[in-house]
C-alpha atoms as a PDB file:
ATOM      1  CA  MET A   1      28.759 -38.554  30.204  1.00  0.00           C
ATOM      2  CA  SER A   2      27.081 -39.187  26.877  1.00  0.00           C
ATOM      3  CA  ALA A   3      27.596 -37.004  23.833  1.00  0.00           C
ATOM      4  CA  ALA A   4      23.941 -35.887  23.894  1.00  0.00           C
ATOM      5  CA  THR A   5      24.209 -34.735  27.521  1.00  0.00           C
ATOM      6  CA  LEU A   6      27.447 -32.892  26.815  1.00  0.00           C
ATOM      7  CA  ARG A   7      25.843 -31.185  23.847  1.00  0.00           C
ATOM      8  CA  ARG A   8      22.896 -30.042  25.981  1.00  0.00           C
ATOM      9  CA  ILE A   9      25.281 -28.649  28.618  1.00  0.00           C
ATOM     10  CA  VAL A  10      27.223 -26.726  25.975  1.00  0.00           C
ATOM     11  CA  PHE A  11      24.012 -25.306  24.483  1.00  0.00           C
ATOM     12  CA  LEU A  12      22.830 -24.313  27.959  1.00  0.00           C
ATOM     13  CA  LEU A  13      26.087 -22.530  28.732  1.00  0.00           C
ATOM     14  CA  VAL A  14      25.988 -20.697  25.398  1.00  0.00           C
ATOM     15  CA  ALA A  15      22.364 -19.666  26.018  1.00  0.00           C
ATOM     16  CA  LEU A  16      23.250 -18.358  29.499  1.00  0.00           C
ATOM     17  CA  PHE A  17      26.214 -16.463  28.072  1.00  0.00           C
ATOM     18  CA  LEU A  18      24.037 -14.826  25.404  1.00  0.00           C
ATOM     19  CA  ALA A  19      21.208 -14.085  27.837  1.00  0.00           C
ATOM     20  CA  GLY A  20      23.541 -12.762  30.555  1.00  0.00           C
ATOM     21  CA  PRO A  21      23.481  -9.080  29.466  1.00  0.00           C
ATOM     22  CA  LEU A  22      19.715  -9.190  29.069  1.00  0.00           C
ATOM     23  CA  ILE A  23      19.307 -10.653  32.558  1.00  0.00           C
ATOM     24  CA  VAL A  24      21.470  -7.888  34.021  1.00  0.00           C
ATOM     25  CA  VAL A  25      19.550  -5.151  32.178  1.00  0.00           C
ATOM     26  CA  ALA A  26      16.230  -6.666  33.277  1.00  0.00           C
ATOM     27  CA  GLY A  27      17.430  -6.719  36.877  1.00  0.00           C
ATOM     28  CA  VAL A  28      18.588  -3.116  36.722  1.00  0.00           C
ATOM     29  CA  SER A  29      15.264  -2.019  35.203  1.00  0.00           C
ATOM     30  CA  VAL A  30      13.356  -3.093  38.338  1.00  0.00           C
ATOM     31  CA  ASN A  31      15.810  -1.521  40.777  1.00  0.00           C
ATOM     32  CA  GLU A  32      13.944   0.470  43.389  1.00  0.00           C
ATOM     33  CA  LYS A  33      16.711   3.078  43.567  1.00  0.00           C
ATOM     34  CA  GLN A  34      18.006   5.205  40.727  1.00  0.00           C
ATOM     35  CA  SER A  35      21.326   3.402  40.487  1.00  0.00           C
ATOM     36  CA  LEU A  36      23.129   1.010  38.180  1.00  0.00           C
ATOM     37  CA  ILE A  37      23.261  -1.937  40.582  1.00  0.00           C
ATOM     38  CA  PHE A  38      22.853  -5.661  40.006  1.00  0.00           C
ATOM     39  CA  PRO A  39      21.398  -7.620  41.720  1.00  0.00           C
ATOM     40  CA  PRO A  40      18.699  -4.967  42.189  1.00  0.00           C
ATOM     41  CA  GLU A  41      18.122  -3.383  45.562  1.00  0.00           C
ATOM     42  CA  GLY A  42      14.387  -3.717  46.113  1.00  0.00           C
ATOM     43  CA  PHE A  43      11.790  -4.156  43.386  1.00  0.00           C
ATOM     44  CA  SER A  44       9.856  -1.510  41.508  1.00  0.00           C
ATOM     45  CA  LEU A  45       8.099  -1.245  38.156  1.00  0.00           C
ATOM     46  CA  ALA A  46       7.949   2.540  38.389  1.00  0.00           C
ATOM     47  CA  TRP A  47      10.632   2.931  35.737  1.00  0.00           C
ATOM     48  CA  TYR A  48       8.432   1.102  33.228  1.00  0.00           C
ATOM     49  CA  GLY A  49       5.548   3.372  34.132  1.00  0.00           C
ATOM     50  CA  GLN A  50       7.748   6.395  33.498  1.00  0.00           C
ATOM     51  CA  ILE A  51       7.970   5.423  29.819  1.00  0.00           C
ATOM     52  CA  PHE A  52       4.267   6.233  29.514  1.00  0.00           C
ATOM     53  CA  SER A  53       3.835   8.889  32.238  1.00  0.00           C
ATOM     54  CA  ASP A  54       6.844  11.117  31.581  1.00  0.00           C
ATOM     55  CA  PRO A  55       6.084  13.507  28.664  1.00  0.00           C
ATOM     56  CA  GLY A  56       9.592  13.217  27.236  1.00  0.00           C
ATOM     57  CA  TRP A  57       9.705   9.430  27.210  1.00  0.00           C
ATOM     58  CA  ARG A  58       6.081   9.160  26.045  1.00  0.00           C
ATOM     59  CA  SER A  59       6.733  11.510  23.148  1.00  0.00           C
ATOM     60  CA  ALA A  60       9.838   9.513  22.173  1.00  0.00           C
ATOM     61  CA  LEU A  61       7.788   6.300  22.305  1.00  0.00           C
ATOM     62  CA  VAL A  62       5.097   7.740  20.034  1.00  0.00           C
ATOM     63  CA  ASN A  63       7.752   9.037  17.635  1.00  0.00           C
ATOM     64  CA  SER A  64       9.463   5.637  17.507  1.00  0.00           C
ATOM     65  CA  LEU A  65       6.233   3.717  16.899  1.00  0.00           C
ATOM     66  CA  THR A  66       5.083   6.185  14.237  1.00  0.00           C
ATOM     67  CA  LEU A  67       8.452   6.136  12.479  1.00  0.00           C
ATOM     68  CA  ALA A  68       8.681   2.323  12.591  1.00  0.00           C
ATOM     69  CA  ALA A  69       5.126   1.837  11.304  1.00  0.00           C
ATOM     70  CA  ALA A  70       5.542   4.328   8.459  1.00  0.00           C
ATOM     71  CA  SER A  71       9.010   3.209   7.378  1.00  0.00           C
ATOM     72  CA  ALA A  72       8.046  -0.491   7.445  1.00  0.00           C
ATOM     73  CA  ALA A  73       5.006   0.220   5.277  1.00  0.00           C
ATOM     74  CA  LEU A  74       7.144   2.195   2.807  1.00  0.00           C
ATOM     75  CA  ALA A  75       9.746  -0.584   2.751  1.00  0.00           C
ATOM     76  CA  VAL A  76       7.074  -3.129   1.807  1.00  0.00           C
ATOM     77  CA  ILE A  77       5.685  -0.786  -0.851  1.00  0.00           C
ATOM     78  CA  ILE A  78       9.162  -0.411  -2.360  1.00  0.00           C
ATOM     79  CA  ALA A  79      10.002  -4.107  -2.111  1.00  0.00           C
ATOM     80  CA  MET A  80       6.731  -5.403  -3.603  1.00  0.00           C
ATOM     81  CA  PRO A  81       7.231  -4.244  -7.220  1.00  0.00           C
ATOM     82  CA  LEU A  82      10.932  -5.185  -7.081  1.00  0.00           C
ATOM     83  CA  ALA A  83      10.148  -8.721  -5.934  1.00  0.00           C
ATOM     84  CA  TRP A  84       7.302  -8.982  -8.462  1.00  0.00           C
ATOM     85  CA  PHE A  85       9.581  -7.822 -11.277  1.00  0.00           C
ATOM     86  CA  LEU A  86      12.342 -10.262 -10.309  1.00  0.00           C
ATOM     87  CA  TRP A  87       9.836 -13.113 -10.223  1.00  0.00           C
ATOM     88  CA  ARG A  88       8.224 -12.277 -13.579  1.00  0.00           C
ATOM     89  CA  ARG A  89      11.420 -11.345 -15.442  1.00  0.00           C
ATOM     90  CA  ILE A  90      13.881 -14.220 -15.278  1.00  0.00           C
ATOM     91  CA  ALA A  91      16.978 -12.620 -16.780  1.00  0.00           C
ATOM     92  CA  PRO A  92      20.573 -12.060 -15.599  1.00  0.00           C
ATOM     93  CA  TRP A  93      20.310  -8.273 -15.910  1.00  0.00           C
ATOM     94  CA  ALA A  94      17.222  -8.256 -13.680  1.00  0.00           C
ATOM     95  CA  ARG A  95      19.429  -9.114 -10.688  1.00  0.00           C
ATOM     96  CA  ILE A  96      20.794  -5.581 -10.875  1.00  0.00           C
ATOM     97  CA  PHE A  97      17.559  -4.403  -9.263  1.00  0.00           C
ATOM     98  CA  GLN A  98      18.010  -6.934  -6.476  1.00  0.00           C
ATOM     99  CA  LEU A  99      21.512  -5.619  -5.802  1.00  0.00           C
ATOM    100  CA  LEU A 100      20.131  -2.080  -5.663  1.00  0.00           C
ATOM    101  CA  GLY A 101      17.601  -3.274  -3.095  1.00  0.00           C
ATOM    102  CA  VAL A 102      20.143  -4.892  -0.762  1.00  0.00           C
ATOM    103  CA  ALA A 103      22.915  -2.302  -1.206  1.00  0.00           C
ATOM    104  CA  PRO A 104      21.815   0.075   1.604  1.00  0.00           C
ATOM    105  CA  PHE A 105      21.747  -2.782   4.113  1.00  0.00           C
ATOM    106  CA  ILE A 106      25.144  -4.158   3.029  1.00  0.00           C
ATOM    107  CA  LEU A 107      26.983  -0.858   3.482  1.00  0.00           C
ATOM    108  CA  PRO A 108      28.124   0.131   7.001  1.00  0.00           C
ATOM    109  CA  PRO A 109      25.279   1.991   8.755  1.00  0.00           C
ATOM    110  CA  VAL A 110      27.457   5.060   9.333  1.00  0.00           C
ATOM    111  CA  ILE A 111      28.204   5.361   5.617  1.00  0.00           C
ATOM    112  CA  THR A 112      24.531   4.974   4.722  1.00  0.00           C
ATOM    113  CA  ALA A 113      23.532   7.500   7.406  1.00  0.00           C
ATOM    114  CA  LEU A 114      26.074  10.043   6.150  1.00  0.00           C
ATOM    115  CA  GLY A 115      24.718   9.554   2.642  1.00  0.00           C
ATOM    116  CA  PHE A 116      21.186  10.290   3.815  1.00  0.00           C
ATOM    117  CA  LEU A 117      22.403  13.301   5.808  1.00  0.00           C
ATOM    118  CA  THR A 118      24.181  14.736   2.779  1.00  0.00           C
ATOM    119  CA  PHE A 119      21.224  14.138   0.479  1.00  0.00           C
ATOM    120  CA  TRP A 120      18.538  15.628   2.740  1.00  0.00           C
ATOM    121  CA  ALA A 121      20.735  18.614   3.609  1.00  0.00           C
ATOM    122  CA  THR A 122      21.388  19.225  -0.084  1.00  0.00           C
ATOM    123  CA  VAL A 123      17.699  19.220  -1.020  1.00  0.00           C
ATOM    124  CA  GLY A 124      16.851  21.360   2.014  1.00  0.00           C
ATOM    125  CA  ALA A 125      14.679  18.808   3.802  1.00  0.00           C
ATOM    126  CA  TYR A 126      16.999  17.943   6.694  1.00  0.00           C
ATOM    127  CA  GLY A 127      15.191  17.583  10.006  1.00  0.00           C
ATOM    128  CA  GLN A 128      11.755  16.801   8.582  1.00  0.00           C
ATOM    129  CA  PRO A 129      10.204  13.704  10.227  1.00  0.00           C
ATOM    130  CA  TRP A 130       9.205  12.203   6.881  1.00  0.00           C
ATOM    131  CA  THR A 131      12.854  12.108   5.793  1.00  0.00           C
ATOM    132  CA  ALA A 132      13.570   9.628   8.592  1.00  0.00           C
ATOM    133  CA  ALA A 133      10.689   7.418   7.439  1.00  0.00           C
ATOM    134  CA  ILE A 134      11.964   7.393   3.853  1.00  0.00           C
ATOM    135  CA  SER A 135      15.552   6.808   4.985  1.00  0.00           C
ATOM    136  CA  HIS A 136      14.560   3.892   7.211  1.00  0.00           C
ATOM    137  CA  ALA A 137      12.415   2.443   4.431  1.00  0.00           C
ATOM    138  CA  ILE A 138      15.351   2.494   2.008  1.00  0.00           C
ATOM    139  CA  PHE A 139      17.751   1.224   4.668  1.00  0.00           C
ATOM    140  CA  PHE A 140      15.555  -1.737   5.653  1.00  0.00           C
ATOM    141  CA  VAL A 141      13.980  -2.517   2.264  1.00  0.00           C
ATOM    142  CA  THR A 142      16.246  -5.576   2.061  1.00  0.00           C
ATOM    143  CA  LEU A 143      14.198  -7.426   4.692  1.00  0.00           C
ATOM    144  CA  PRO A 144      10.789  -7.328   2.969  1.00  0.00           C
ATOM    145  CA  LEU A 145      12.546  -7.773  -0.375  1.00  0.00           C
ATOM    146  CA  VAL A 146      14.029 -11.069   0.833  1.00  0.00           C
ATOM    147  CA  THR A 147      10.801 -12.336   2.405  1.00  0.00           C
ATOM    148  CA  LEU A 148       8.695 -11.317  -0.606  1.00  0.00           C
ATOM    149  CA  SER A 149      11.191 -12.939  -2.971  1.00  0.00           C
ATOM    150  CA  LEU A 150      10.820 -16.144  -0.947  1.00  0.00           C
ATOM    151  CA  GLY A 151       7.055 -15.778  -1.144  1.00  0.00           C
ATOM    152  CA  PHE A 152       7.026 -15.335  -4.900  1.00  0.00           C
ATOM    153  CA  SER A 153       9.421 -18.253  -5.391  1.00  0.00           C
ATOM    154  CA  SER A 154       7.073 -20.512  -3.414  1.00  0.00           C
ATOM    155  CA  ILE A 155       4.163 -19.866  -5.806  1.00  0.00           C
ATOM    156  CA  ASP A 156       3.311 -22.671  -8.198  1.00  0.00           C
ATOM    157  CA  ARG A 157       3.514 -20.995 -11.594  1.00  0.00           C
ATOM    158  CA  SER A 158       0.899 -23.379 -12.941  1.00  0.00           C
ATOM    159  CA  LEU A 159      -1.674 -21.521 -10.831  1.00  0.00           C
ATOM    160  CA  VAL A 160      -0.759 -18.257 -12.531  1.00  0.00           C
ATOM    161  CA  GLU A 161      -0.843 -19.902 -15.942  1.00  0.00           C
ATOM    162  CA  ALA A 162      -4.253 -21.392 -15.196  1.00  0.00           C
ATOM    163  CA  ALA A 163      -5.621 -17.988 -14.167  1.00  0.00           C
ATOM    164  CA  SER A 164      -4.191 -16.411 -17.327  1.00  0.00           C
ATOM    165  CA  THR A 165      -5.707 -19.188 -19.431  1.00  0.00           C
ATOM    166  CA  MET A 166      -9.102 -18.413 -17.911  1.00  0.00           C
ATOM    167  CA  GLY A 167      -8.786 -14.830 -19.146  1.00  0.00           C
ATOM    168  CA  ALA A 168      -7.369 -13.017 -16.098  1.00  0.00           C
ATOM    169  CA  ASP A 169      -5.008 -10.137 -16.838  1.00  0.00           C
ATOM    170  CA  ASP A 170      -1.847  -9.421 -14.823  1.00  0.00           C
ATOM    171  CA  ARG A 171      -3.660  -7.140 -12.376  1.00  0.00           C
ATOM    172  CA  THR A 172      -6.363  -9.730 -11.699  1.00  0.00           C
ATOM    173  CA  VAL A 173      -3.797 -12.497 -11.279  1.00  0.00           C
ATOM    174  CA  LEU A 174      -1.873 -10.356  -8.811  1.00  0.00           C
ATOM    175  CA  ARG A 175      -4.988  -9.508  -6.782  1.00  0.00           C
ATOM    176  CA  THR A 176      -6.732 -12.892  -6.747  1.00  0.00           C
ATOM    177  CA  VAL A 177      -3.892 -15.412  -6.913  1.00  0.00           C
ATOM    178  CA  VAL A 178      -0.533 -13.922  -6.012  1.00  0.00           C
ATOM    179  CA  LEU A 179      -1.375 -11.570  -3.123  1.00  0.00           C
ATOM    180  CA  PRO A 180      -3.292 -14.172  -1.048  1.00  0.00           C
ATOM    181  CA  LEU A 181      -0.369 -16.581  -1.413  1.00  0.00           C
ATOM    182  CA  ILE A 182       2.328 -14.100  -0.413  1.00  0.00           C
ATOM    183  CA  LEU A 183       0.369 -12.341   2.349  1.00  0.00           C
ATOM    184  CA  PRO A 184       2.283 -14.132   5.166  1.00  0.00           C
ATOM    185  CA  TYR A 185       5.546 -12.998   3.584  1.00  0.00           C
ATOM    186  CA  VAL A 186       4.266  -9.420   3.344  1.00  0.00           C
ATOM    187  CA  ILE A 187       3.367  -9.458   7.045  1.00  0.00           C
ATOM    188  CA  SER A 188       6.692 -10.994   8.078  1.00  0.00           C
ATOM    189  CA  GLY A 189       8.661  -8.517   5.959  1.00  0.00           C
ATOM    190  CA  TYR A 190       6.723  -5.653   7.525  1.00  0.00           C
ATOM    191  CA  ALA A 191       7.344  -7.049  11.020  1.00  0.00           C
ATOM    192  CA  PHE A 192      11.091  -7.424  10.459  1.00  0.00           C
ATOM    193  CA  ALA A 193      11.402  -3.864   9.142  1.00  0.00           C
ATOM    194  CA  PHE A 194       9.189  -2.519  11.955  1.00  0.00           C
ATOM    195  CA  VAL A 195      11.252  -4.071  14.756  1.00  0.00           C
ATOM    196  CA  LEU A 196      14.603  -2.988  13.304  1.00  0.00           C
ATOM    197  CA  SER A 197      13.356   0.541  12.620  1.00  0.00           C
ATOM    198  CA  LEU A 198      12.123   0.740  16.205  1.00  0.00           C
ATOM    199  CA  ASN A 199      15.649   0.010  17.461  1.00  0.00           C
ATOM    200  CA  GLU A 200      17.666   1.953  14.869  1.00  0.00           C
ATOM    201  CA  TYR A 201      19.696   4.941  16.051  1.00  0.00           C
ATOM    202  CA  ILE A 202      22.351   6.078  13.564  1.00  0.00           C
ATOM    203  CA  VAL A 203      20.193   6.807  10.501  1.00  0.00           C
ATOM    204  CA  ALA A 204      17.464   8.425  12.607  1.00  0.00           C
ATOM    205  CA  TYR A 205      19.993  10.579  14.441  1.00  0.00           C
ATOM    206  CA  MET A 206      21.643  11.681  11.195  1.00  0.00           C
ATOM    207  CA  THR A 207      18.341  12.685   9.613  1.00  0.00           C
ATOM    208  CA  VAL A 208      16.141  14.069  12.426  1.00  0.00           C
ATOM    209  CA  GLY A 209      18.284  13.761  15.557  1.00  0.00           C
ATOM    210  CA  PHE A 210      18.030  17.445  16.454  1.00  0.00           C
ATOM    211  CA  THR A 211      14.342  17.925  15.649  1.00  0.00           C
ATOM    212  CA  MET A 212      12.637  14.661  16.714  1.00  0.00           C
ATOM    213  CA  GLU A 213      13.578  12.239  19.485  1.00  0.00           C
ATOM    214  CA  THR A 214      12.963   8.542  19.045  1.00  0.00           C
ATOM    215  CA  LEU A 215      13.500   6.202  21.984  1.00  0.00           C
ATOM    216  CA  PRO A 216      17.080   5.243  20.980  1.00  0.00           C
ATOM    217  CA  ILE A 217      17.949   8.925  20.500  1.00  0.00           C
ATOM    218  CA  LYS A 218      16.256   9.775  23.798  1.00  0.00           C
ATOM    219  CA  ILE A 219      18.395   7.183  25.604  1.00  0.00           C
ATOM    220  CA  PHE A 220      21.640   8.649  24.276  1.00  0.00           C
ATOM    221  CA  ASN A 221      20.524  12.213  24.955  1.00  0.00           C
ATOM    222  CA  ALA A 222      19.477  11.299  28.508  1.00  0.00           C
ATOM    223  CA  LEU A 223      22.941   9.885  29.217  1.00  0.00           C
ATOM    224  CA  ARG A 224      24.257  13.446  29.302  1.00  0.00           C
ATOM    225  CA  TYR A 225      22.293  14.052  32.494  1.00  0.00           C
ATOM    226  CA  GLY A 226      23.168  10.799  34.242  1.00  0.00           C
ATOM    227  CA  TYR A 227      21.935   7.242  34.315  1.00  0.00           C
ATOM    228  CA  THR A 228      18.335   6.312  35.098  1.00  0.00           C
ATOM    229  CA  PRO A 229      16.792   2.801  35.202  1.00  0.00           C
ATOM    230  CA  THR A 230      14.225   4.043  32.692  1.00  0.00           C
ATOM    231  CA  MET A 231      16.880   3.442  30.028  1.00  0.00           C
ATOM    232  CA  ALA A 232      17.076  -0.202  31.063  1.00  0.00           C
ATOM    233  CA  ALA A 233      13.270  -0.398  31.101  1.00  0.00           C
ATOM    234  CA  VAL A 234      13.154   0.923  27.531  1.00  0.00           C
ATOM    235  CA  SER A 235      15.703  -1.703  26.468  1.00  0.00           C
ATOM    236  CA  ILE A 236      13.570  -4.474  27.943  1.00  0.00           C
ATOM    237  CA  PHE A 237      10.528  -2.901  26.275  1.00  0.00           C
ATOM    238  CA  PHE A 238      12.306  -3.181  22.906  1.00  0.00           C
ATOM    239  CA  VAL A 239      13.114  -6.839  23.539  1.00  0.00           C
ATOM    240  CA  ALA A 240       9.532  -7.544  24.619  1.00  0.00           C
ATOM    241  CA  VAL A 241       8.093  -5.936  21.480  1.00  0.00           C
ATOM    242  CA  ALA A 242      10.455  -7.927  19.249  1.00  0.00           C
ATOM    243  CA  ALA A 243       9.625 -11.171  21.093  1.00  0.00           C
ATOM    244  CA  ILE A 244       5.875 -10.541  20.806  1.00  0.00           C
ATOM    245  CA  VAL A 245       6.044  -9.655  17.097  1.00  0.00           C
ATOM    246  CA  PHE A 246       8.190 -12.623  16.109  1.00  0.00           C
ATOM    247  CA  GLY A 247       6.274 -14.900  18.475  1.00  0.00           C
ATOM    248  CA  LEU A 248       3.021 -14.013  16.722  1.00  0.00           C
ATOM    249  CA  ILE A 249       4.646 -14.675  13.347  1.00  0.00           C
ATOM    250  CA  ALA A 250       5.893 -18.050  14.568  1.00  0.00           C
ATOM    251  CA  HIS A 251       2.490 -18.933  16.054  1.00  0.00           C
ATOM    252  CA  PHE A 252       0.213 -17.886  13.204  1.00  0.00           C
ATOM    253  CA  GLY A 253       2.630 -18.394  10.319  1.00  0.00           C
ATOM    254  CA  ASP A 254       5.072 -21.003   9.095  1.00  0.00           C
ATOM    255  CA  LEU A 255       8.274 -19.496  10.497  1.00  0.00           C
ATOM    256  CA  PRO A 256      10.752 -21.969   8.902  1.00  0.00           C
ATOM    257  CA  ARG A 257       9.148 -21.384   5.518  1.00  0.00           C
ATOM    258  CA  LEU A 258       9.132 -17.620   6.025  1.00  0.00           C
ATOM    259  CA  LEU A 259      12.870 -17.846   6.740  1.00  0.00           C
ATOM    260  CA  GLY A 260      13.467 -19.732   3.500  1.00  0.00           C
ATOM    261  CA  ALA A 261      13.219 -23.428   4.447  1.00  0.00           C
ATOM    262  CA  LEU A 262      11.692 -25.699   1.855  1.00  0.00           C
ATOM    263  CA  SER A 263       9.110 -28.320   2.719  1.00  0.00           C
ATOM    264  CA  GLY A 264      11.610 -31.116   2.294  1.00  0.00           C
ATOM    265  CA  ASP A 265      14.048 -29.434   4.677  1.00  0.00           C
ATOM    266  CA  ARG A 266      11.593 -29.707   7.571  1.00  0.00           C
ATOM    267  CA  GLU A 267      10.748 -33.364   7.189  1.00  0.00           C
END
């Protein structure tokens, strides 16, 4: 057996091992009976339909999508001026702002969630839906900050200098030169934050867990009343959304470049 064949077999086994839990969950989600059985007994997509037909699950879905969309937008809004400042101000002390941007994501999620809980309870805003959006935006700001930093670093500074030489001020340069060049990085940063916010549980539970149910919170709350294949269907729904979002980024954008690869690294 050649080394190449052995390597393919090893990769295949690793892929099957990683995909094993997903295959089991997918099988359980189409079980005709309300039981945690694999292989499934019968076939039914009714549990997927329940996500949209059941008022509780539908409300949780709307809450999750709204929270993810709002928090991802806020994360990009926060990350944009930070990345712009780091690109324009090349100085050792400027990296302090970068550390502030990545700090929430580096800390354990429980610690960050407890910090948000303490803060919002102290200011008297605990339980408000907008506190979850702000908390998620701060928690996931690292992702758009990284992608936007990559986008800014890929810009040829001679283009900016040429625009400035022609009389464009900083605002005009940003609007006409910089933003069109970093737009793919803005979209990818938004997509990364959106998908992770959609799946996040701890921070959302600590901030609005008793006043607003997202899909992850709904799953854990529903476990108190027994298992239902709808939980598995929601899990597969999460995976499908992530696959679609990242698939679109890979199809319409330059995924290796968005992840930080240089042109020479791909040749």
